[in-house]
Amino acid sequence: MNDYRREDTSGDGTVDFFHWKYAIERIVGCLLMLLTLPLVLTLGALVKLTSRGPVFCRQTRIGLDGSVFEIMKFRTMRSNSEAGSKAIWSCKIDTRFTRVGRVLRKLHFDDLPQLWNVVLGEMSLVGPRPERPEICESLAEHIDGYHGRVTVKPGVTGLA
């Protein structure tokens, strides 16, 4: 369901708020992409020069109203690090990380390409972090109301 067409049944203006929030964030996302472009190009070159495989990776995530989209990130792990296995969370001592990838993760620079998802309207700048579908099901079993997170767009950064 398109978030711009939701009916405001509450009468409190929340639909108008999200309409404007998402529109402004797409504009800000474009500006941030332009401002960070030199850094993104430099980091992309570092990823490419220090490890084999693509610069970016795409992962399926759950978005607004349970829609599925592909998130963009700098590749921080060896190529095909999950080949033949199911999706798993990374841990502190994870041998799949590349040297540059470990630094990118620590500084959260691996998330910079997600500005493209903001520009496309798939993500918001601030909102709940999007999770992979197979991990969502596991989390929903342990956290009451977990699926309520999809009533807003996922964000590059959360409120925390």
N, C-alpha and C. Protein backbone atom coordinates (compact mmCIF):
# COMPACT_ATOMS: atom_id res chain seq x y z
N MET A 1 0.84 -1.18 0.00
CA MET A 1 0.00 0.00 0.00
C MET A 1 0.89 1.24 0.00
N ASN A 2 0.61 2.17 -0.86
CA ASN A 2 1.42 3.39 -0.96
C ASN A 2 1.14 4.30 0.23
N ASP A 3 2.17 4.68 0.95
CA ASP A 3 2.00 5.47 2.17
C ASP A 3 1.43 6.85 1.89
N TYR A 4 1.51 7.35 0.66
CA TYR A 4 0.97 8.66 0.34
C TYR A 4 -0.54 8.63 0.16
N ARG A 5 -1.13 7.45 0.05
CA ARG A 5 -2.56 7.34 -0.18
C ARG A 5 -3.33 6.85 1.03
N ARG A 6 -2.70 6.76 2.15
CA ARG A 6 -3.39 6.27 3.34
C ARG A 6 -4.45 7.26 3.78
N GLU A 7 -5.55 6.72 4.23
CA GLU A 7 -6.61 7.59 4.74
C GLU A 7 -6.28 8.00 6.15
N ASP A 8 -6.59 9.26 6.46
CA ASP A 8 -6.37 9.76 7.82
C ASP A 8 -7.65 9.53 8.62
N THR A 9 -7.79 8.32 9.14
CA THR A 9 -9.00 7.98 9.90
C THR A 9 -8.93 8.49 11.32
N SER A 10 -7.73 8.83 11.79
CA SER A 10 -7.59 9.30 13.17
C SER A 10 -7.93 10.78 13.30
N GLY A 11 -7.80 11.52 12.19
CA GLY A 11 -8.08 12.94 12.24
C GLY A 11 -7.01 13.76 12.91
N ASP A 12 -5.87 13.13 13.26
CA ASP A 12 -4.83 13.87 13.98
C ASP A 12 -3.70 14.34 13.08
N GLY A 13 -3.82 14.13 11.78
CA GLY A 13 -2.82 14.64 10.84
C GLY A 13 -1.58 13.78 10.69
N THR A 14 -1.56 12.55 11.20
CA THR A 14 -0.35 11.72 11.11
C THR A 14 0.00 11.39 9.67
N VAL A 15 -1.01 11.23 8.81
CA VAL A 15 -0.73 10.92 7.41
C VAL A 15 -0.04 12.10 6.76
N ASP A 16 -0.52 13.32 7.02
CA ASP A 16 0.14 14.51 6.49
C ASP A 16 1.57 14.61 6.99
N PHE A 17 1.79 14.31 8.26
CA PHE A 17 3.14 14.36 8.83
C PHE A 17 4.07 13.43 8.06
N PHE A 18 3.67 12.17 7.87
CA PHE A 18 4.54 11.22 7.19
C PHE A 18 4.70 11.57 5.71
N HIS A 19 3.66 12.09 5.10
CA HIS A 19 3.78 12.54 3.71
C HIS A 19 4.91 13.56 3.59
N TRP A 20 4.89 14.56 4.44
CA TRP A 20 5.92 15.61 4.39
C TRP A 20 7.28 15.09 4.85
N LYS A 21 7.28 14.27 5.88
CA LYS A 21 8.55 13.71 6.39
C LYS A 21 9.27 12.95 5.28
N TYR A 22 8.55 12.05 4.60
CA TYR A 22 9.18 11.24 3.56
C TYR A 22 9.62 12.08 2.37
N ALA A 23 8.82 13.08 1.99
CA ALA A 23 9.18 13.95 0.87
C ALA A 23 10.44 14.76 1.19
N ILE A 24 10.48 15.33 2.37
CA ILE A 24 11.66 16.12 2.77
C ILE A 24 12.89 15.24 2.88
N GLU A 25 12.72 14.04 3.41
CA GLU A 25 13.88 13.15 3.55
C GLU A 25 14.43 12.71 2.20
N ARG A 26 13.59 12.59 1.19
CA ARG A 26 14.11 12.24 -0.14
C ARG A 26 14.96 13.37 -0.69
N ILE A 27 14.56 14.61 -0.45
CA ILE A 27 15.34 15.77 -0.89
C ILE A 27 16.65 15.84 -0.11
N VAL A 28 16.57 15.68 1.21
CA VAL A 28 17.77 15.70 2.04
C VAL A 28 18.69 14.54 1.65
N GLY A 29 18.11 13.37 1.35
CA GLY A 29 18.90 12.22 0.90
C GLY A 29 19.70 12.54 -0.35
N CYS A 30 19.08 13.26 -1.30
CA CYS A 30 19.79 13.66 -2.53
C CYS A 30 20.96 14.57 -2.19
N LEU A 31 20.71 15.54 -1.31
CA LEU A 31 21.78 16.47 -0.92
C LEU A 31 22.91 15.73 -0.20
N LEU A 32 22.56 14.83 0.69
CA LEU A 32 23.59 14.07 1.41
C LEU A 32 24.38 13.18 0.46
N MET A 33 23.71 12.62 -0.54
CA MET A 33 24.44 11.80 -1.53
C MET A 33 25.47 12.64 -2.26
N LEU A 34 25.09 13.84 -2.64
CA LEU A 34 26.04 14.72 -3.34
C LEU A 34 27.20 15.11 -2.43
N LEU A 35 26.89 15.43 -1.17
CA LEU A 35 27.94 15.84 -0.24
C LEU A 35 28.90 14.71 0.10
N THR A 36 28.39 13.49 0.17
CA THR A 36 29.24 12.36 0.55
C THR A 36 29.85 11.63 -0.64
N LEU A 37 29.54 12.07 -1.85
CA LEU A 37 30.03 11.39 -3.04
C LEU A 37 31.55 11.19 -3.06
N PRO A 38 32.36 12.22 -2.72
CA PRO A 38 33.82 11.97 -2.69
C PRO A 38 34.22 10.88 -1.70
N LEU A 39 33.59 10.87 -0.53
CA LEU A 39 33.88 9.84 0.47
C LEU A 39 33.44 8.47 -0.03
N VAL A 40 32.26 8.39 -0.63
CA VAL A 40 31.74 7.11 -1.15
C VAL A 40 32.66 6.57 -2.24
N LEU A 41 33.12 7.44 -3.13
CA LEU A 41 34.03 6.99 -4.20
C LEU A 41 35.35 6.50 -3.62
N THR A 42 35.88 7.20 -2.63
CA THR A 42 37.14 6.80 -1.99
C THR A 42 36.98 5.46 -1.28
N LEU A 43 35.90 5.32 -0.51
CA LEU A 43 35.67 4.06 0.21
C LEU A 43 35.42 2.92 -0.76
N GLY A 44 34.69 3.19 -1.83
CA GLY A 44 34.46 2.16 -2.85
C GLY A 44 35.76 1.68 -3.46
N ALA A 45 36.67 2.61 -3.73
CA ALA A 45 37.97 2.24 -4.29
C ALA A 45 38.75 1.39 -3.29
N LEU A 46 38.69 1.75 -2.01
CA LEU A 46 39.38 0.96 -0.97
C LEU A 46 38.84 -0.47 -0.90
N VAL A 47 37.52 -0.60 -0.95
CA VAL A 47 36.91 -1.93 -0.91
C VAL A 47 37.39 -2.75 -2.11
N LYS A 48 37.37 -2.14 -3.28
CA LYS A 48 37.75 -2.83 -4.51
C LYS A 48 39.23 -3.22 -4.52
N LEU A 49 40.09 -2.32 -4.04
CA LEU A 49 41.53 -2.57 -4.06
C LEU A 49 41.99 -3.58 -3.02
N THR A 50 41.24 -3.75 -1.95
CA THR A 50 41.71 -4.59 -0.84
C THR A 50 41.05 -5.96 -0.77
N SER A 51 40.06 -6.21 -1.63
CA SER A 51 39.42 -7.53 -1.60
C SER A 51 38.76 -7.83 -2.93
N ARG A 52 38.59 -9.10 -3.17
CA ARG A 52 37.94 -9.53 -4.41
C ARG A 52 36.43 -9.43 -4.26
N GLY A 53 35.78 -9.16 -5.38
CA GLY A 53 34.32 -9.11 -5.37
C GLY A 53 33.81 -7.71 -5.63
N PRO A 54 32.50 -7.56 -5.63
CA PRO A 54 31.89 -6.26 -5.92
C PRO A 54 32.10 -5.27 -4.78
N VAL A 55 31.96 -4.00 -5.09
CA VAL A 55 32.09 -2.93 -4.08
C VAL A 55 30.86 -2.91 -3.18
N PHE A 56 29.69 -3.06 -3.79
CA PHE A 56 28.43 -3.00 -3.05
C PHE A 56 27.82 -4.38 -2.92
N CYS A 57 27.00 -4.54 -1.90
CA CYS A 57 26.20 -5.75 -1.81
C CYS A 57 24.75 -5.32 -1.64
N ARG A 58 23.88 -6.17 -2.08
CA ARG A 58 22.44 -5.92 -1.94
C ARG A 58 21.88 -7.04 -1.07
N GLN A 59 21.01 -6.65 -0.16
CA GLN A 59 20.36 -7.64 0.69
C GLN A 59 18.87 -7.34 0.71
N THR A 60 18.08 -8.39 0.71
CA THR A 60 16.63 -8.24 0.79
C THR A 60 16.25 -7.86 2.22
N ARG A 61 15.41 -6.85 2.35
CA ARG A 61 14.95 -6.39 3.66
C ARG A 61 13.44 -6.16 3.62
N ILE A 62 12.85 -6.06 4.79
CA ILE A 62 11.42 -5.79 4.93
C ILE A 62 11.23 -4.30 5.14
N GLY A 63 10.33 -3.70 4.34
CA GLY A 63 10.09 -2.27 4.41
C GLY A 63 8.68 -1.94 4.87
N LEU A 64 8.22 -0.78 4.45
CA LEU A 64 6.89 -0.27 4.81
C LEU A 64 5.80 -1.26 4.42
N ASP A 65 4.90 -1.51 5.35
CA ASP A 65 3.77 -2.42 5.14
C ASP A 65 4.19 -3.83 4.76
N GLY A 66 5.40 -4.23 5.14
CA GLY A 66 5.89 -5.58 4.86
C GLY A 66 6.41 -5.77 3.45
N SER A 67 6.53 -4.67 2.70
CA SER A 67 7.07 -4.78 1.34
C SER A 67 8.54 -5.21 1.40
N VAL A 68 8.98 -5.84 0.35
CA VAL A 68 10.36 -6.32 0.28
C VAL A 68 11.14 -5.41 -0.67
N PHE A 69 12.34 -5.01 -0.26
CA PHE A 69 13.19 -4.20 -1.12
C PHE A 69 14.64 -4.62 -0.91
N GLU A 70 15.52 -4.15 -1.79
CA GLU A 70 16.94 -4.48 -1.68
C GLU A 70 17.69 -3.28 -1.13
N ILE A 71 18.37 -3.50 -0.03
CA ILE A 71 19.17 -2.45 0.60
C ILE A 71 20.56 -2.45 -0.02
N MET A 72 21.13 -1.28 -0.16
CA MET A 72 22.49 -1.15 -0.69
C MET A 72 23.46 -0.91 0.47
N LYS A 73 24.58 -1.59 0.43
CA LYS A 73 25.62 -1.41 1.45
C LYS A 73 26.98 -1.61 0.79
N PHE A 74 28.02 -1.04 1.42
CA PHE A 74 29.36 -1.42 0.99
C PHE A 74 29.58 -2.86 1.43
N ARG A 75 30.25 -3.62 0.60
CA ARG A 75 30.56 -5.01 0.97
C ARG A 75 31.64 -4.99 2.02
N THR A 76 31.35 -5.56 3.17
CA THR A 76 32.30 -5.57 4.28
C THR A 76 32.81 -6.98 4.59
N MET A 77 32.25 -7.97 3.91
CA MET A 77 32.66 -9.36 4.14
C MET A 77 33.21 -9.94 2.84
N ARG A 78 33.88 -11.06 2.99
CA ARG A 78 34.36 -11.75 1.79
C ARG A 78 33.17 -12.05 0.89
N SER A 79 33.41 -12.11 -0.40
CA SER A 79 32.34 -12.45 -1.35
C SER A 79 31.80 -13.84 -1.03
N ASN A 80 30.50 -13.99 -1.18
CA ASN A 80 29.81 -15.26 -0.96
C ASN A 80 30.02 -15.81 0.44
N SER A 81 30.10 -14.94 1.43
CA SER A 81 30.37 -15.41 2.79
C SER A 81 29.20 -16.19 3.39
N GLU A 82 28.02 -16.07 2.80
CA GLU A 82 26.87 -16.84 3.29
C GLU A 82 26.46 -17.92 2.32
N ALA A 83 27.25 -18.14 1.30
CA ALA A 83 26.90 -19.16 0.31
C ALA A 83 26.75 -20.51 0.99
N GLY A 84 25.64 -21.16 0.70
CA GLY A 84 25.40 -22.50 1.25
C GLY A 84 24.90 -22.49 2.67
N SER A 85 24.64 -21.33 3.25
CA SER A 85 24.11 -21.28 4.60
C SER A 85 22.97 -20.28 4.65
N LYS A 86 22.26 -20.28 5.75
CA LYS A 86 21.16 -19.33 5.90
C LYS A 86 21.71 -18.00 6.41
N ALA A 87 20.88 -16.96 6.39
CA ALA A 87 21.28 -15.64 6.87
C ALA A 87 21.56 -15.71 8.36
N ILE A 88 22.71 -15.15 8.75
CA ILE A 88 23.06 -15.11 10.17
C ILE A 88 23.57 -13.72 10.51
N TRP A 89 23.36 -13.34 11.76
CA TRP A 89 23.86 -12.06 12.23
C TRP A 89 25.37 -12.14 12.37
N SER A 90 26.02 -11.02 12.15
CA SER A 90 27.47 -11.00 12.38
C SER A 90 27.70 -10.87 13.88
N CYS A 91 28.87 -11.30 14.30
CA CYS A 91 29.22 -11.21 15.72
C CYS A 91 30.54 -10.47 15.84
N LYS A 92 30.93 -10.18 17.08
CA LYS A 92 32.12 -9.37 17.32
C LYS A 92 33.38 -9.99 16.69
N ILE A 93 33.55 -11.27 16.87
CA ILE A 93 34.69 -11.97 16.27
C ILE A 93 34.16 -12.77 15.10
N ASP A 94 34.13 -12.15 13.92
CA ASP A 94 33.56 -12.77 12.73
C ASP A 94 34.64 -12.82 11.67
N THR A 95 35.01 -14.00 11.26
CA THR A 95 36.11 -14.18 10.31
C THR A 95 35.72 -13.82 8.88
N ARG A 96 34.44 -13.52 8.64
CA ARG A 96 33.98 -13.19 7.29
C ARG A 96 34.32 -11.76 6.89
N PHE A 97 34.62 -10.87 7.86
CA PHE A 97 34.92 -9.47 7.55
C PHE A 97 36.25 -9.31 6.84
N THR A 98 36.29 -8.35 5.92
CA THR A 98 37.57 -7.95 5.34
C THR A 98 38.18 -6.92 6.28
N ARG A 99 39.45 -6.60 6.10
CA ARG A 99 40.09 -5.59 6.97
C ARG A 99 39.40 -4.24 6.83
N VAL A 100 39.21 -3.81 5.59
CA VAL A 100 38.53 -2.53 5.35
C VAL A 100 37.08 -2.61 5.83
N GLY A 101 36.44 -3.74 5.60
CA GLY A 101 35.06 -3.93 6.02
C GLY A 101 34.86 -3.77 7.50
N ARG A 102 35.80 -4.27 8.28
CA ARG A 102 35.69 -4.15 9.74
C ARG A 102 35.70 -2.68 10.15
N VAL A 103 36.54 -1.88 9.52
CA VAL A 103 36.61 -0.43 9.82
C VAL A 103 35.32 0.26 9.36
N LEU A 104 34.86 -0.08 8.16
CA LEU A 104 33.62 0.51 7.65
C LEU A 104 32.45 0.24 8.59
N ARG A 105 32.37 -0.98 9.09
CA ARG A 105 31.30 -1.34 10.02
C ARG A 105 31.42 -0.57 11.32
N LYS A 106 32.63 -0.49 11.84
CA LYS A 106 32.84 0.19 13.12
C LYS A 106 32.43 1.66 13.04
N LEU A 107 32.74 2.31 11.91
CA LEU A 107 32.41 3.72 11.71
C LEU A 107 31.02 3.93 11.10
N HIS A 108 30.32 2.83 10.79
CA HIS A 108 28.99 2.85 10.16
C HIS A 108 29.02 3.46 8.76
N PHE A 109 30.19 3.50 8.13
CA PHE A 109 30.30 4.00 6.77
C PHE A 109 29.75 3.00 5.75
N ASP A 110 29.59 1.75 6.16
CA ASP A 110 29.03 0.76 5.24
C ASP A 110 27.58 1.08 4.89
N ASP A 111 26.94 1.95 5.69
CA ASP A 111 25.54 2.32 5.45
C ASP A 111 25.37 3.50 4.51
N LEU A 112 26.44 4.18 4.13
CA LEU A 112 26.32 5.35 3.25
C LEU A 112 25.56 5.08 1.95
N PRO A 113 25.76 3.93 1.29
CA PRO A 113 25.00 3.68 0.06
C PRO A 113 23.48 3.59 0.27
N GLN A 114 23.03 3.46 1.51
CA GLN A 114 21.60 3.42 1.78
C GLN A 114 20.92 4.76 1.50
N LEU A 115 21.71 5.80 1.32
CA LEU A 115 21.12 7.08 0.91
C LEU A 115 20.41 6.91 -0.43
N TRP A 116 20.89 6.01 -1.27
CA TRP A 116 20.22 5.72 -2.53
C TRP A 116 18.82 5.16 -2.26
N ASN A 117 18.69 4.28 -1.24
CA ASN A 117 17.38 3.75 -0.88
C ASN A 117 16.45 4.85 -0.38
N VAL A 118 17.02 5.86 0.29
CA VAL A 118 16.22 7.00 0.75
C VAL A 118 15.73 7.79 -0.46
N VAL A 119 16.62 8.05 -1.40
CA VAL A 119 16.26 8.80 -2.60
C VAL A 119 15.16 8.07 -3.37
N LEU A 120 15.23 6.75 -3.44
CA LEU A 120 14.21 5.96 -4.13
C LEU A 120 12.89 5.91 -3.38
N GLY A 121 12.91 6.33 -2.11
CA GLY A 121 11.69 6.31 -1.31
C GLY A 121 11.43 5.00 -0.60
N GLU A 122 12.41 4.09 -0.60
CA GLU A 122 12.26 2.80 0.06
C GLU A 122 12.57 2.87 1.55
N MET A 123 13.40 3.86 1.92
CA MET A 123 13.81 4.02 3.30
C MET A 123 13.66 5.48 3.72
N SER A 124 13.70 5.67 5.01
CA SER A 124 13.67 6.99 5.61
C SER A 124 15.04 7.24 6.23
N LEU A 125 15.36 8.48 6.55
CA LEU A 125 16.63 8.73 7.23
C LEU A 125 16.59 8.21 8.66
N VAL A 126 15.46 8.41 9.34
CA VAL A 126 15.31 7.95 10.73
C VAL A 126 14.09 7.05 10.81
N GLY A 127 14.27 5.87 11.33
CA GLY A 127 13.19 4.91 11.48
C GLY A 127 13.76 3.61 11.99
N PRO A 128 12.91 2.61 12.20
CA PRO A 128 13.43 1.32 12.67
C PRO A 128 14.33 0.70 11.60
N ARG A 129 15.41 0.07 12.04
CA ARG A 129 16.33 -0.55 11.09
C ARG A 129 15.62 -1.70 10.36
N PRO A 130 15.79 -1.78 9.04
CA PRO A 130 15.15 -2.88 8.31
C PRO A 130 15.91 -4.18 8.56
N GLU A 131 15.17 -5.26 8.61
CA GLU A 131 15.80 -6.55 8.86
C GLU A 131 15.49 -7.49 7.70
N ARG A 132 16.27 -8.54 7.61
CA ARG A 132 16.08 -9.54 6.57
C ARG A 132 14.83 -10.36 6.88
N PRO A 133 14.08 -10.78 5.85
CA PRO A 133 12.81 -11.49 6.09
C PRO A 133 12.96 -12.72 6.98
N GLU A 134 13.99 -13.52 6.75
CA GLU A 134 14.15 -14.74 7.54
C GLU A 134 14.47 -14.45 9.01
N ILE A 135 15.13 -13.35 9.26
CA ILE A 135 15.44 -12.97 10.64
C ILE A 135 14.23 -12.33 11.30
N CYS A 136 13.41 -11.60 10.52
CA CYS A 136 12.18 -10.99 11.04
C CYS A 136 11.28 -12.03 11.69
N GLU A 137 11.13 -13.16 11.03
CA GLU A 137 10.25 -14.20 11.57
C GLU A 137 10.75 -14.69 12.93
N SER A 138 12.05 -14.86 13.05
CA SER A 138 12.63 -15.29 14.32
C SER A 138 12.41 -14.23 15.40
N LEU A 139 12.62 -12.97 15.05
CA LEU A 139 12.43 -11.89 16.02
C LEU A 139 10.97 -11.77 16.45
N ALA A 140 10.05 -11.95 15.50
CA ALA A 140 8.62 -11.83 15.80
C ALA A 140 8.18 -12.91 16.79
N GLU A 141 8.85 -14.05 16.79
CA GLU A 141 8.51 -15.10 17.74
C GLU A 141 8.89 -14.72 19.17
N HIS A 142 9.89 -13.85 19.31
CA HIS A 142 10.40 -13.51 20.64
C HIS A 142 10.02 -12.11 21.12
N ILE A 143 9.57 -11.26 20.20
CA ILE A 143 9.26 -9.87 20.57
C ILE A 143 7.81 -9.58 20.21
N ASP A 144 6.99 -9.35 21.23
CA ASP A 144 5.58 -9.03 20.99
C ASP A 144 5.48 -7.73 20.19
N GLY A 145 4.60 -7.74 19.19
CA GLY A 145 4.36 -6.55 18.38
C GLY A 145 5.47 -6.19 17.43
N TYR A 146 6.39 -7.12 17.18
CA TYR A 146 7.54 -6.81 16.32
C TYR A 146 7.10 -6.34 14.94
N HIS A 147 6.08 -6.97 14.38
CA HIS A 147 5.65 -6.61 13.03
C HIS A 147 5.03 -5.21 12.96
N GLY A 148 4.75 -4.59 14.10
CA GLY A 148 4.25 -3.21 14.12
C GLY A 148 5.27 -2.23 13.58
N ARG A 149 6.51 -2.64 13.50
CA ARG A 149 7.58 -1.78 12.97
C ARG A 149 7.37 -1.42 11.51
N VAL A 150 6.61 -2.21 10.79
CA VAL A 150 6.46 -1.97 9.36
C VAL A 150 5.37 -0.95 9.04
N THR A 151 4.83 -0.29 10.06
CA THR A 151 3.82 0.74 9.81
C THR A 151 4.47 2.07 9.43
N VAL A 152 5.81 2.14 9.52
CA VAL A 152 6.57 3.30 9.05
C VAL A 152 7.74 2.78 8.21
N LYS A 153 8.30 3.66 7.41
CA LYS A 153 9.44 3.25 6.59
C LYS A 153 10.64 2.95 7.48
N PRO A 154 11.43 1.95 7.09
CA PRO A 154 12.66 1.69 7.84
C PRO A 154 13.65 2.83 7.62
N GLY A 155 14.58 2.99 8.55
CA GLY A 155 15.51 4.10 8.46
C GLY A 155 16.96 3.68 8.35
N VAL A 156 17.76 4.61 7.83
CA VAL A 156 19.21 4.41 7.77
C VAL A 156 19.73 4.38 9.20
N THR A 157 19.15 5.19 10.05
CA THR A 157 19.51 5.21 11.46
C THR A 157 18.23 5.17 12.29
N GLY A 158 18.31 4.54 13.44
CA GLY A 158 17.15 4.46 14.32
C GLY A 158 17.15 5.59 15.33
N LEU A 159 16.13 5.64 16.14
CA LEU A 159 16.04 6.69 17.15
C LEU A 159 17.13 6.55 18.20
N ALA A 160 17.59 5.34 18.43
CA ALA A 160 18.64 5.12 19.44
C ALA A 160 19.96 5.68 18.93
